[in-house]
Amino acid sequence: MEKKESVLEEAHRLVGGARQGHYGPPEDNIPRIAALWSASLGVVVSSRQYCDLMILMKMGRSATGGAYLRDTYVDTAGYALCAERCNDAETLEG
């Protein structure tokens, strides 16, 4: 019997694989989205804040009292990984 992939393993695989293939590396894509949000809202939204807000959105959905949805936790872990990758990229640039 094959070992089931953990939530963290799946998030890592998706962020570095399929989703990166669709949207580009998070350290490139997320700052673009944060800049669009900043322009739309009239306040500065950092890459980390974008990731934090997306995690909050996932947790808000989870708090509705419905059944456990693995995808919610995979995405939450993925956004945490994206926050780290953005932070690392900003640290190298700054």
C-alpha atoms as a PDB file:
ATOM      1  CA  MET A   1       0.000   0.000   0.000  1.00  0.00           C
ATOM      2  CA  GLU A   2       1.304   3.413  -0.995  1.00  0.00           C
ATOM      3  CA  LYS A   3       1.853   6.073   1.688  1.00  0.00           C
ATOM      4  CA  LYS A   4      -0.719   8.872   1.476  1.00  0.00           C
ATOM      5  CA  GLU A   5       0.742  12.262   0.612  1.00  0.00           C
ATOM      6  CA  SER A   6       0.487  14.667   3.553  1.00  0.00           C
ATOM      7  CA  VAL A   7      -1.203  18.058   3.335  1.00  0.00           C
ATOM      8  CA  LEU A   8       2.218  19.710   3.514  1.00  0.00           C
ATOM      9  CA  GLU A   9       3.696  17.464   0.840  1.00  0.00           C
ATOM     10  CA  GLU A  10       0.775  18.156  -1.473  1.00  0.00           C
ATOM     11  CA  ALA A  11       1.030  21.913  -0.902  1.00  0.00           C
ATOM     12  CA  HIS A  12       4.757  21.849  -1.658  1.00  0.00           C
ATOM     13  CA  ARG A  13       4.201  19.803  -4.808  1.00  0.00           C
ATOM     14  CA  LEU A  14       1.450  22.133  -6.054  1.00  0.00           C
ATOM     15  CA  VAL A  15       3.206  25.412  -5.302  1.00  0.00           C
ATOM     16  CA  GLY A  16       6.397  24.248  -6.994  1.00  0.00           C
ATOM     17  CA  GLY A  17       4.708  22.334  -9.786  1.00  0.00           C
ATOM     18  CA  ALA A  18       1.258  22.636 -11.315  1.00  0.00           C
ATOM     19  CA  ARG A  19       0.322  26.031  -9.932  1.00  0.00           C
ATOM     20  CA  GLN A  20       3.728  27.494 -10.672  1.00  0.00           C
ATOM     21  CA  GLY A  21       3.346  26.196 -14.214  1.00  0.00           C
ATOM     22  CA  HIS A  22       0.009  28.006 -14.549  1.00  0.00           C
ATOM     23  CA  TYR A  23       0.735  31.252 -12.701  1.00  0.00           C
ATOM     24  CA  GLY A  24       4.510  31.531 -12.544  1.00  0.00           C
ATOM     25  CA  PRO A  25       6.649  31.460  -9.403  1.00  0.00           C
ATOM     26  CA  PRO A  26       4.784  32.889  -6.392  1.00  0.00           C
ATOM     27  CA  GLU A  27       7.626  35.303  -5.685  1.00  0.00           C
ATOM     28  CA  ASP A  28       6.916  36.856  -9.125  1.00  0.00           C
ATOM     29  CA  ASN A  29       3.128  36.497  -9.292  1.00  0.00           C
ATOM     30  CA  ILE A  30       2.109  37.490  -5.756  1.00  0.00           C
ATOM     31  CA  PRO A  31       3.838  40.914  -5.784  1.00  0.00           C
ATOM     32  CA  ARG A  32       1.947  41.686  -9.021  1.00  0.00           C
ATOM     33  CA  ILE A  33      -1.359  40.778  -7.381  1.00  0.00           C
ATOM     34  CA  ALA A  34      -0.464  42.749  -4.231  1.00  0.00           C
ATOM     35  CA  ALA A  35       0.336  45.785  -6.410  1.00  0.00           C
ATOM     36  CA  LEU A  36      -3.053  45.491  -8.142  1.00  0.00           C
ATOM     37  CA  TRP A  37      -4.806  45.220  -4.778  1.00  0.00           C
ATOM     38  CA  SER A  38      -2.819  48.233  -3.556  1.00  0.00           C
ATOM     39  CA  ALA A  39      -3.902  50.314  -6.532  1.00  0.00           C
ATOM     40  CA  SER A  40      -7.510  49.196  -6.214  1.00  0.00           C
ATOM     41  CA  LEU A  41      -7.774  49.735  -2.457  1.00  0.00           C
ATOM     42  CA  GLY A  42      -5.603  52.852  -2.199  1.00  0.00           C
ATOM     43  CA  VAL A  43      -3.429  51.273   0.513  1.00  0.00           C
ATOM     44  CA  VAL A  44      -0.173  49.386   0.281  1.00  0.00           C
ATOM     45  CA  VAL A  45      -0.651  45.611   0.360  1.00  0.00           C
ATOM     46  CA  SER A  46       2.577  43.640   0.743  1.00  0.00           C
ATOM     47  CA  SER A  47       3.188  40.166  -0.601  1.00  0.00           C
ATOM     48  CA  ARG A  48       3.074  38.787   2.934  1.00  0.00           C
ATOM     49  CA  GLN A  49      -0.211  40.542   3.630  1.00  0.00           C
ATOM     50  CA  TYR A  50      -1.631  39.049   0.437  1.00  0.00           C
ATOM     51  CA  CYS A  51      -0.664  35.557   1.656  1.00  0.00           C
ATOM     52  CA  ASP A  52      -2.018  36.268   5.146  1.00  0.00           C
ATOM     53  CA  LEU A  53      -5.322  37.493   3.707  1.00  0.00           C
ATOM     54  CA  MET A  54      -5.647  34.409   1.507  1.00  0.00           C
ATOM     55  CA  ILE A  55      -5.020  32.196   4.563  1.00  0.00           C
ATOM     56  CA  LEU A  56      -7.717  34.127   6.438  1.00  0.00           C
ATOM     57  CA  MET A  57     -10.110  33.612   3.532  1.00  0.00           C
ATOM     58  CA  LYS A  58      -9.473  29.858   3.638  1.00  0.00           C
ATOM     59  CA  MET A  59      -9.972  29.789   7.419  1.00  0.00           C
ATOM     60  CA  GLY A  60     -13.192  31.795   7.050  1.00  0.00           C
ATOM     61  CA  ARG A  61     -14.512  29.166   4.691  1.00  0.00           C
ATOM     62  CA  SER A  62     -13.455  26.429   7.084  1.00  0.00           C
ATOM     63  CA  ALA A  63     -15.247  28.147   9.964  1.00  0.00           C
ATOM     64  CA  THR A  64     -18.617  27.752   8.263  1.00  0.00           C
ATOM     65  CA  GLY A  65     -19.015  24.488  10.169  1.00  0.00           C
ATOM     66  CA  GLY A  66     -19.099  22.236   7.162  1.00  0.00           C
ATOM     67  CA  ALA A  67     -17.225  19.015   6.640  1.00  0.00           C
ATOM     68  CA  TYR A  68     -13.438  18.821   6.639  1.00  0.00           C
ATOM     69  CA  LEU A  69     -12.203  19.854   3.220  1.00  0.00           C
ATOM     70  CA  ARG A  70      -8.622  18.772   2.692  1.00  0.00           C
ATOM     71  CA  ASP A  71      -8.210  21.326  -0.104  1.00  0.00           C
ATOM     72  CA  THR A  72      -8.703  24.165   2.396  1.00  0.00           C
ATOM     73  CA  TYR A  73      -5.729  22.973   4.423  1.00  0.00           C
ATOM     74  CA  VAL A  74      -3.595  22.229   1.366  1.00  0.00           C
ATOM     75  CA  ASP A  75      -4.216  25.777   0.135  1.00  0.00           C
ATOM     76  CA  THR A  76      -3.520  27.228   3.598  1.00  0.00           C
ATOM     77  CA  ALA A  77      -0.178  25.427   3.726  1.00  0.00           C
ATOM     78  CA  GLY A  78       0.500  26.534   0.165  1.00  0.00           C
ATOM     79  CA  TYR A  79      -0.068  30.182   1.010  1.00  0.00           C
ATOM     80  CA  ALA A  80       2.274  29.833   4.004  1.00  0.00           C
ATOM     81  CA  LEU A  81       4.918  28.421   1.644  1.00  0.00           C
ATOM     82  CA  CYS A  82       4.275  31.265  -0.804  1.00  0.00           C
ATOM     83  CA  ALA A  83       4.771  33.792   2.013  1.00  0.00           C
ATOM     84  CA  GLU A  84       8.137  32.240   2.791  1.00  0.00           C
ATOM     85  CA  ARG A  85       9.197  32.237  -0.858  1.00  0.00           C
ATOM     86  CA  CYS A  86       8.166  35.884  -1.269  1.00  0.00           C
ATOM     87  CA  ASN A  87       9.997  36.838   1.919  1.00  0.00           C
ATOM     88  CA  ASP A  88      13.123  35.013   0.777  1.00  0.00           C
ATOM     89  CA  ALA A  89      13.000  36.759  -2.621  1.00  0.00           C
ATOM     90  CA  GLU A  90      12.510  40.186  -1.017  1.00  0.00           C
ATOM     91  CA  THR A  91      15.391  39.518   1.382  1.00  0.00           C
ATOM     92  CA  LEU A  92      17.691  38.689  -1.538  1.00  0.00           C
ATOM     93  CA  GLU A  93      16.596  41.810  -3.443  1.00  0.00           C
ATOM     94  CA  GLY A  94      16.763  44.168  -0.457  1.00  0.00           C
END
